[in-house]
């Protein structure tokens, strides 16, 4: 795909700002993989902004060959007392309903849910914590 075509997908609405566009061009030109991360608090129902709107940007990124990781922010949701501040409920909703709703939203807007990596925030923190403990010894 041409660089301008890839850039148009990346820059297309609802993108507000792109930092280091020249670096994106450099990465595309040199075949360096580009990664995109986005995170969501688990606050209840997936609505138009959380689902189809944000997943339309994920779909654009996929079409541009960008690898996407979606963080399901269970600890952030817990700290902010979403879903009554019950971490077990937050995790259940995150890994079930919320993840599936985002997958279906992505599918509806032309993306591929099988090519998105979903990561529960607490899993990421625990892995990082284990790595830091191992570095100490």
Protein backbone atom coordinates (compact mmCIF):
# COMPACT_ATOMS: atom_id res chain seq x y z
CA UNK A 1 0.00 0.00 0.00
CA UNK A 2 1.28 3.50 -0.79
CA UNK A 3 2.59 5.68 2.03
CA UNK A 4 -0.03 8.38 1.34
CA UNK A 5 -2.83 5.80 1.47
CA UNK A 6 -1.54 4.49 4.80
CA UNK A 7 -1.20 8.02 6.17
CA UNK A 8 -4.73 8.90 5.08
CA UNK A 9 -6.06 5.90 7.04
CA UNK A 10 -4.04 6.89 10.10
CA UNK A 11 -5.01 10.57 9.90
CA UNK A 12 -8.68 10.10 8.97
CA UNK A 13 -11.32 11.43 11.38
CA UNK A 14 -11.71 11.09 14.35
CA UNK A 15 -7.92 11.45 14.67
CA UNK A 16 -7.22 14.77 16.37
CA UNK A 17 -3.45 14.87 16.46
CA UNK A 18 -0.50 12.89 15.18
CA UNK A 19 2.80 13.29 16.90
CA UNK A 20 5.87 12.70 14.79
CA UNK A 21 4.22 12.14 11.41
CA UNK A 22 7.72 12.07 9.92
CA UNK A 23 8.56 9.11 12.16
CA UNK A 24 5.46 7.26 10.94
CA UNK A 25 6.61 7.80 7.35
CA UNK A 26 10.10 6.61 8.34
CA UNK A 27 8.67 3.46 9.93
CA UNK A 28 6.46 2.71 6.92
CA UNK A 29 9.33 3.31 4.50
CA UNK A 30 11.69 1.06 6.47
CA UNK A 31 9.13 -1.66 7.23
CA UNK A 32 9.26 -1.08 10.98
CA UNK A 33 6.09 -2.39 12.65
CA UNK A 34 3.84 0.27 14.19
CA UNK A 35 1.89 -0.49 17.35
CA UNK A 36 -1.19 1.25 18.75
CA UNK A 37 -2.42 0.91 22.31
CA UNK A 38 -5.76 2.06 23.66
CA UNK A 39 -7.28 1.48 27.08
CA UNK A 40 -10.80 1.49 28.46
CA UNK A 41 -12.17 1.76 31.96
CA UNK A 42 -14.79 -0.86 32.54
CA UNK A 43 -17.61 1.46 33.48
CA UNK A 44 -20.73 -0.30 32.28
CA UNK A 45 -22.29 -0.53 28.87
CA UNK A 46 -20.30 -0.01 25.70
CA UNK A 47 -21.85 3.04 24.00
CA UNK A 48 -21.45 4.61 20.54
CA UNK A 49 -18.26 6.47 21.47
CA UNK A 50 -16.60 3.51 23.16
CA UNK A 51 -17.73 0.94 20.61
CA UNK A 52 -18.28 1.82 16.97
CA UNK A 53 -16.59 5.24 16.98
CA UNK A 54 -13.31 4.22 18.62
CA UNK A 55 -13.31 0.85 16.86
CA UNK A 56 -13.61 2.63 13.49
CA UNK A 57 -10.19 4.14 14.22
CA UNK A 58 -8.86 0.72 15.23
CA UNK A 59 -10.19 -0.61 11.92
CA UNK A 60 -8.33 2.17 10.05
CA UNK A 61 -5.14 1.26 11.91
CA UNK A 62 -5.58 -2.41 11.04
CA UNK A 63 -6.04 -1.55 7.35
CA UNK A 64 -2.80 0.47 7.58
CA UNK A 65 -1.00 -2.60 8.97
CA UNK A 66 -0.74 -1.33 12.54
CA UNK A 67 -0.86 -3.86 15.38
CA UNK A 68 -3.46 -2.91 17.99
CA UNK A 69 -3.59 -3.79 21.67
CA UNK A 70 -6.64 -2.95 23.75
CA UNK A 71 -6.13 -2.65 27.49
CA UNK A 72 -9.13 -3.44 29.67
CA UNK A 73 -8.32 -1.27 32.68
CA UNK A 74 -9.67 -3.30 35.57
CA UNK A 75 -7.48 -1.64 38.22
CA UNK A 76 -8.32 1.85 36.96
CA UNK A 77 -12.00 0.93 37.03
CA UNK A 78 -11.64 -0.40 40.57
CA UNK A 79 -9.75 2.68 41.81
CA UNK A 80 -12.46 4.91 40.28
CA UNK A 81 -15.17 2.77 41.89
CA UNK A 82 -16.82 1.77 38.61
CA UNK A 83 -19.41 -1.01 38.85
CA UNK A 84 -19.61 -0.46 42.60
CA UNK A 85 -15.84 -0.83 43.05
CA UNK A 86 -16.10 -4.63 43.08
CA UNK A 87 -12.92 -5.88 41.36
CA UNK A 88 -14.30 -9.38 40.74
CA UNK A 89 -17.35 -7.95 38.93
CA UNK A 90 -15.16 -5.51 36.98
CA UNK A 91 -12.90 -8.36 35.80
CA UNK A 92 -15.87 -10.52 34.87
CA UNK A 93 -17.45 -7.71 32.84
CA UNK A 94 -14.09 -6.78 31.26
CA UNK A 95 -13.24 -10.29 30.06
CA UNK A 96 -16.78 -11.11 29.04
CA UNK A 97 -19.28 -8.50 27.97
CA UNK A 98 -16.92 -5.54 27.44
CA UNK A 99 -14.35 -7.46 25.38
CA UNK A 100 -17.05 -9.09 23.25
CA UNK A 101 -18.88 -5.79 22.70
CA UNK A 102 -15.64 -4.19 21.46
CA UNK A 103 -14.99 -7.18 19.18
CA UNK A 104 -18.47 -6.94 17.69
CA UNK A 105 -18.17 -3.17 17.30
CA UNK A 106 -14.88 -3.65 15.46
CA UNK A 107 -16.43 -6.28 13.21
CA UNK A 108 -19.38 -4.00 12.40
CA UNK A 109 -17.06 -1.19 11.25
CA UNK A 110 -15.00 -3.48 9.01
CA UNK A 111 -12.16 -4.45 11.33
CA UNK A 112 -10.90 -7.87 12.30
CA UNK A 113 -11.44 -8.70 15.99
CA UNK A 114 -9.13 -11.71 15.69
CA UNK A 115 -6.19 -9.41 14.97
CA UNK A 116 -6.56 -7.34 18.15
CA UNK A 117 -4.75 -8.28 21.34
CA UNK A 118 -6.85 -7.75 24.48
CA UNK A 119 -4.93 -7.39 27.75
CA UNK A 120 -6.42 -7.07 31.22
CA UNK A 121 -4.55 -4.26 32.95
CA UNK A 122 -3.94 -6.29 36.10
CA UNK A 123 -2.28 -9.04 34.04
CA UNK A 124 0.10 -6.49 32.58
CA UNK A 125 0.89 -5.03 36.01
CA UNK A 126 1.47 -8.45 37.55
CA UNK A 127 3.79 -9.46 34.71
CA UNK A 128 5.72 -6.20 35.10
CA UNK A 129 5.85 -6.68 38.87
CA UNK A 130 7.28 -10.21 38.44
CA UNK A 131 9.91 -8.94 36.00
CA UNK A 132 10.98 -6.19 38.40
CA UNK A 133 11.25 -8.65 41.30
CA UNK A 134 13.41 -10.94 39.18
CA UNK A 135 15.68 -8.04 38.27
CA UNK A 136 16.39 -7.42 41.95
CA UNK A 137 17.88 -10.87 42.45
